[in-house]
Amino acid sequence: MSINAEGRTISGRIESEEAGIRLSIYAEMRKSGADPSGFLDILCSAVEREVWTKLRGKEGNALTFRQFIEAPYPVGVGSTVDAVSKLVRLSHRYEAGSPERAARLAAMREKVRILVEGEREERAAFWQTIAAQLATHPAEGADEAKP
């Protein structure tokens, strides 16, 4: 498979269907043009299949949705969750004329929203826990450092 993205051609053997989807998203996000339909179709397939759970990071671990979106290619697609959240709000060129496509896209948009918000809530809860632990157990020697 060969894809032209950002003025360079990426080619090689794609080891899995999920890796092919990742490469397609990567390329679609780098194409110039005003029609997000191709990107929306590919992202819809990725979300329906939860491809990030089948791909592996550099350490061999399954990816989170955020890692799938934000990690540089070839681990992720090299974008930001904020950019993807904005792109999924755009209309597909055939969405209005196809109730089936409109339903698939609505389901994808909702799942992306839930994934993004869920990860934000998990991060916030994590940092609240850390802050609470630091407040109740200050670092050893912290009092000695005060003037």
C-alpha atoms as a PDB file:
ATOM      1  CA  MET A   1       0.000   0.000   0.000  1.00  0.00           C
ATOM      2  CA  SER A   2       1.251   3.457  -0.861  1.00  0.00           C
ATOM      3  CA  ILE A   3      -0.157   6.766   0.387  1.00  0.00           C
ATOM      4  CA  ASN A   4       0.940  10.302  -0.413  1.00  0.00           C
ATOM      5  CA  ALA A   5       0.790  12.524   2.694  1.00  0.00           C
ATOM      6  CA  GLU A   6       2.424  15.874   3.358  1.00  0.00           C
ATOM      7  CA  GLY A   7       4.419  15.741   0.134  1.00  0.00           C
ATOM      8  CA  ARG A   8       5.946  12.366   0.880  1.00  0.00           C
ATOM      9  CA  THR A   9       4.950   8.863  -0.057  1.00  0.00           C
ATOM     10  CA  ILE A  10       4.540   6.282   2.663  1.00  0.00           C
ATOM     11  CA  SER A  11       4.639   2.769   1.340  1.00  0.00           C
ATOM     12  CA  GLY A  12       5.162  -0.679   2.673  1.00  0.00           C
ATOM     13  CA  ARG A  13       3.435  -3.797   3.783  1.00  0.00           C
ATOM     14  CA  ILE A  14       0.495  -3.163   6.095  1.00  0.00           C
ATOM     15  CA  GLU A  15       0.575  -5.786   8.842  1.00  0.00           C
ATOM     16  CA  SER A  16      -3.119  -5.660   9.723  1.00  0.00           C
ATOM     17  CA  GLU A  17      -6.446  -4.172   8.731  1.00  0.00           C
ATOM     18  CA  GLU A  18      -6.214  -1.877  11.776  1.00  0.00           C
ATOM     19  CA  ALA A  19      -2.793  -0.609  10.661  1.00  0.00           C
ATOM     20  CA  GLY A  20      -4.250   0.129   7.213  1.00  0.00           C
ATOM     21  CA  ILE A  21      -7.063   2.130   8.803  1.00  0.00           C
ATOM     22  CA  ARG A  22      -4.545   4.062  10.901  1.00  0.00           C
ATOM     23  CA  LEU A  23      -2.498   4.884   7.781  1.00  0.00           C
ATOM     24  CA  SER A  24      -5.628   6.006   5.910  1.00  0.00           C
ATOM     25  CA  ILE A  25      -6.647   8.343   8.750  1.00  0.00           C
ATOM     26  CA  TYR A  26      -3.101   9.716   8.879  1.00  0.00           C
ATOM     27  CA  ALA A  27      -3.191  10.450   5.128  1.00  0.00           C
ATOM     28  CA  GLU A  28      -6.738  11.887   5.094  1.00  0.00           C
ATOM     29  CA  MET A  29      -5.870  14.342   7.862  1.00  0.00           C
ATOM     30  CA  ARG A  30      -2.991  15.661   5.784  1.00  0.00           C
ATOM     31  CA  LYS A  31      -4.809  16.119   2.480  1.00  0.00           C
ATOM     32  CA  SER A  32      -5.758  19.611   1.500  1.00  0.00           C
ATOM     33  CA  GLY A  33      -9.336  20.271   0.584  1.00  0.00           C
ATOM     34  CA  ALA A  34     -12.596  21.236   2.167  1.00  0.00           C
ATOM     35  CA  ASP A  35     -14.440  17.885   2.122  1.00  0.00           C
ATOM     36  CA  PRO A  36     -14.018  15.851   5.334  1.00  0.00           C
ATOM     37  CA  SER A  37     -16.125  12.940   4.001  1.00  0.00           C
ATOM     38  CA  GLY A  38     -13.224  10.532   3.420  1.00  0.00           C
ATOM     39  CA  PHE A  39     -11.826  11.227   6.882  1.00  0.00           C
ATOM     40  CA  LEU A  40     -15.258  10.766   8.484  1.00  0.00           C
ATOM     41  CA  ASP A  41     -15.787   7.418   6.706  1.00  0.00           C
ATOM     42  CA  ILE A  42     -12.423   6.056   7.813  1.00  0.00           C
ATOM     43  CA  LEU A  43     -12.734   7.353  11.364  1.00  0.00           C
ATOM     44  CA  CYS A  44     -16.215   5.824  11.545  1.00  0.00           C
ATOM     45  CA  SER A  45     -14.733   2.406  10.661  1.00  0.00           C
ATOM     46  CA  ALA A  46     -11.920   2.899  13.171  1.00  0.00           C
ATOM     47  CA  VAL A  47     -14.340   3.785  15.981  1.00  0.00           C
ATOM     48  CA  GLU A  48     -16.753   0.955  15.147  1.00  0.00           C
ATOM     49  CA  ARG A  49     -13.868  -1.542  15.250  1.00  0.00           C
ATOM     50  CA  GLU A  50     -12.021   0.140  18.136  1.00  0.00           C
ATOM     51  CA  VAL A  51      -8.799  -0.293  16.181  1.00  0.00           C
ATOM     52  CA  TRP A  52      -6.714   1.456  18.861  1.00  0.00           C
ATOM     53  CA  THR A  53      -7.296  -1.541  21.155  1.00  0.00           C
ATOM     54  CA  LYS A  54      -5.796  -3.884  18.540  1.00  0.00           C
ATOM     55  CA  LEU A  55      -2.757  -1.755  17.700  1.00  0.00           C
ATOM     56  CA  ARG A  56       0.294  -1.645  19.955  1.00  0.00           C
ATOM     57  CA  GLY A  57       2.420   1.201  21.229  1.00  0.00           C
ATOM     58  CA  LYS A  58       6.211   1.180  21.315  1.00  0.00           C
ATOM     59  CA  GLU A  59       6.173  -0.754  24.605  1.00  0.00           C
ATOM     60  CA  GLY A  60       3.789  -3.356  23.195  1.00  0.00           C
ATOM     61  CA  ASN A  61       0.756  -2.085  25.117  1.00  0.00           C
ATOM     62  CA  ALA A  62      -2.714  -1.528  23.639  1.00  0.00           C
ATOM     63  CA  LEU A  63      -3.378   2.105  22.827  1.00  0.00           C
ATOM     64  CA  THR A  64      -5.986   4.362  24.348  1.00  0.00           C
ATOM     65  CA  PHE A  65      -8.089   6.411  21.945  1.00  0.00           C
ATOM     66  CA  ARG A  66      -6.049   9.514  22.839  1.00  0.00           C
ATOM     67  CA  GLN A  67      -2.769   7.694  22.164  1.00  0.00           C
ATOM     68  CA  PHE A  68      -4.132   6.436  18.838  1.00  0.00           C
ATOM     69  CA  ILE A  69      -4.984   9.983  17.799  1.00  0.00           C
ATOM     70  CA  GLU A  70      -2.029  11.863  19.304  1.00  0.00           C
ATOM     71  CA  ALA A  71       0.972   9.546  18.982  1.00  0.00           C
ATOM     72  CA  PRO A  72       3.102  10.264  15.924  1.00  0.00           C
ATOM     73  CA  TYR A  73       2.721   7.896  12.984  1.00  0.00           C
ATOM     74  CA  PRO A  74       3.369   4.919  12.806  1.00  0.00           C
ATOM     75  CA  VAL A  75       2.107   4.384  16.373  1.00  0.00           C
ATOM     76  CA  GLY A  76      -0.838   6.768  16.072  1.00  0.00           C
ATOM     77  CA  VAL A  77      -2.185   9.215  13.512  1.00  0.00           C
ATOM     78  CA  GLY A  78      -0.242  12.269  14.719  1.00  0.00           C
ATOM     79  CA  SER A  79      -3.060  14.698  15.422  1.00  0.00           C
ATOM     80  CA  THR A  80      -4.786  16.005  18.533  1.00  0.00           C
ATOM     81  CA  VAL A  81      -7.995  14.956  20.218  1.00  0.00           C
ATOM     82  CA  ASP A  82      -9.181  18.571  19.988  1.00  0.00           C
ATOM     83  CA  ALA A  83      -8.653  18.624  16.205  1.00  0.00           C
ATOM     84  CA  VAL A  84     -10.489  15.314  15.760  1.00  0.00           C
ATOM     85  CA  SER A  85     -13.310  16.500  18.033  1.00  0.00           C
ATOM     86  CA  LYS A  86     -13.750  19.523  15.758  1.00  0.00           C
ATOM     87  CA  LEU A  87     -13.526  17.512  12.533  1.00  0.00           C
ATOM     88  CA  VAL A  88     -16.196  15.008  13.588  1.00  0.00           C
ATOM     89  CA  ARG A  89     -18.684  17.884  13.930  1.00  0.00           C
ATOM     90  CA  LEU A  90     -18.426  18.582  10.195  1.00  0.00           C
ATOM     91  CA  SER A  91     -20.981  17.156   7.802  1.00  0.00           C
ATOM     92  CA  HIS A  92     -20.355  14.301   5.408  1.00  0.00           C
ATOM     93  CA  ARG A  93     -21.322  15.125   1.818  1.00  0.00           C
ATOM     94  CA  TYR A  94     -23.824  12.215   1.697  1.00  0.00           C
ATOM     95  CA  GLU A  95     -25.039  12.360   5.293  1.00  0.00           C
ATOM     96  CA  ALA A  96     -28.263  14.272   4.616  1.00  0.00           C
ATOM     97  CA  GLY A  97     -29.361  11.903   1.858  1.00  0.00           C
ATOM     98  CA  SER A  98     -28.600   8.643   3.650  1.00  0.00           C
ATOM     99  CA  PRO A  99     -30.327   7.800   6.939  1.00  0.00           C
ATOM    100  CA  GLU A 100     -28.026   4.783   7.372  1.00  0.00           C
ATOM    101  CA  ARG A 101     -24.857   6.871   6.953  1.00  0.00           C
ATOM    102  CA  ALA A 102     -26.298   9.596   9.186  1.00  0.00           C
ATOM    103  CA  ALA A 103     -26.961   7.009  11.917  1.00  0.00           C
ATOM    104  CA  ARG A 104     -23.429   5.564  11.649  1.00  0.00           C
ATOM    105  CA  LEU A 105     -21.892   9.023  11.820  1.00  0.00           C
ATOM    106  CA  ALA A 106     -24.078  10.036  14.784  1.00  0.00           C
ATOM    107  CA  ALA A 107     -23.016   6.870  16.645  1.00  0.00           C
ATOM    108  CA  MET A 108     -19.344   7.564  15.853  1.00  0.00           C
ATOM    109  CA  ARG A 109     -19.608  11.182  17.006  1.00  0.00           C
ATOM    110  CA  GLU A 110     -21.207  10.119  20.283  1.00  0.00           C
ATOM    111  CA  LYS A 111     -18.583   7.452  20.909  1.00  0.00           C
ATOM    112  CA  VAL A 112     -15.745   9.909  20.198  1.00  0.00           C
ATOM    113  CA  ARG A 113     -17.356  12.367  22.629  1.00  0.00           C
ATOM    114  CA  ILE A 114     -17.633   9.682  25.318  1.00  0.00           C
ATOM    115  CA  LEU A 115     -14.050   8.491  24.761  1.00  0.00           C
ATOM    116  CA  VAL A 116     -12.630  12.005  24.934  1.00  0.00           C
ATOM    117  CA  GLU A 117     -14.689  13.054  27.962  1.00  0.00           C
ATOM    118  CA  GLY A 118     -13.996   9.759  29.730  1.00  0.00           C
ATOM    119  CA  GLU A 119     -10.249  10.171  29.336  1.00  0.00           C
ATOM    120  CA  ARG A 120     -10.457  13.789  30.528  1.00  0.00           C
ATOM    121  CA  GLU A 121     -12.406  12.686  33.612  1.00  0.00           C
ATOM    122  CA  GLU A 122      -9.912   9.882  34.313  1.00  0.00           C
ATOM    123  CA  ARG A 123      -7.008  12.332  34.059  1.00  0.00           C
ATOM    124  CA  ALA A 124      -8.739  14.852  36.315  1.00  0.00           C
ATOM    125  CA  ALA A 125      -9.518  12.159  38.906  1.00  0.00           C
ATOM    126  CA  PHE A 126      -5.917  10.938  38.781  1.00  0.00           C
ATOM    127  CA  TRP A 127      -4.512  14.417  39.412  1.00  0.00           C
ATOM    128  CA  GLN A 128      -7.048  15.079  42.183  1.00  0.00           C
ATOM    129  CA  THR A 129      -5.890  11.887  43.890  1.00  0.00           C
ATOM    130  CA  ILE A 130      -2.243  12.923  43.567  1.00  0.00           C
ATOM    131  CA  ALA A 131      -3.002  16.403  44.936  1.00  0.00           C
ATOM    132  CA  ALA A 132      -4.890  14.898  47.892  1.00  0.00           C
ATOM    133  CA  GLN A 133      -2.021  12.521  48.652  1.00  0.00           C
ATOM    134  CA  LEU A 134       0.502  15.355  48.515  1.00  0.00           C
ATOM    135  CA  ALA A 135      -1.658  17.487  50.790  1.00  0.00           C
ATOM    136  CA  THR A 136      -1.920  14.755  53.424  1.00  0.00           C
ATOM    137  CA  HIS A 137       1.621  13.394  53.022  1.00  0.00           C
ATOM    138  CA  PRO A 138       4.031  16.199  52.183  1.00  0.00           C
ATOM    139  CA  ALA A 139       7.365  15.125  50.784  1.00  0.00           C
ATOM    140  CA  GLU A 140      10.004  14.244  53.356  1.00  0.00           C
ATOM    141  CA  GLY A 141      12.344  17.091  53.988  1.00  0.00           C
ATOM    142  CA  ALA A 142       9.902  19.694  52.680  1.00  0.00           C
ATOM    143  CA  ASP A 143       9.808  21.412  56.097  1.00  0.00           C
ATOM    144  CA  GLU A 144      13.585  21.480  56.262  1.00  0.00           C
ATOM    145  CA  ALA A 145      13.754  23.350  52.968  1.00  0.00           C
ATOM    146  CA  LYS A 146      11.607  26.209  54.277  1.00  0.00           C
ATOM    147  CA  PRO A 147      13.547  29.292  55.453  1.00  0.00           C
END
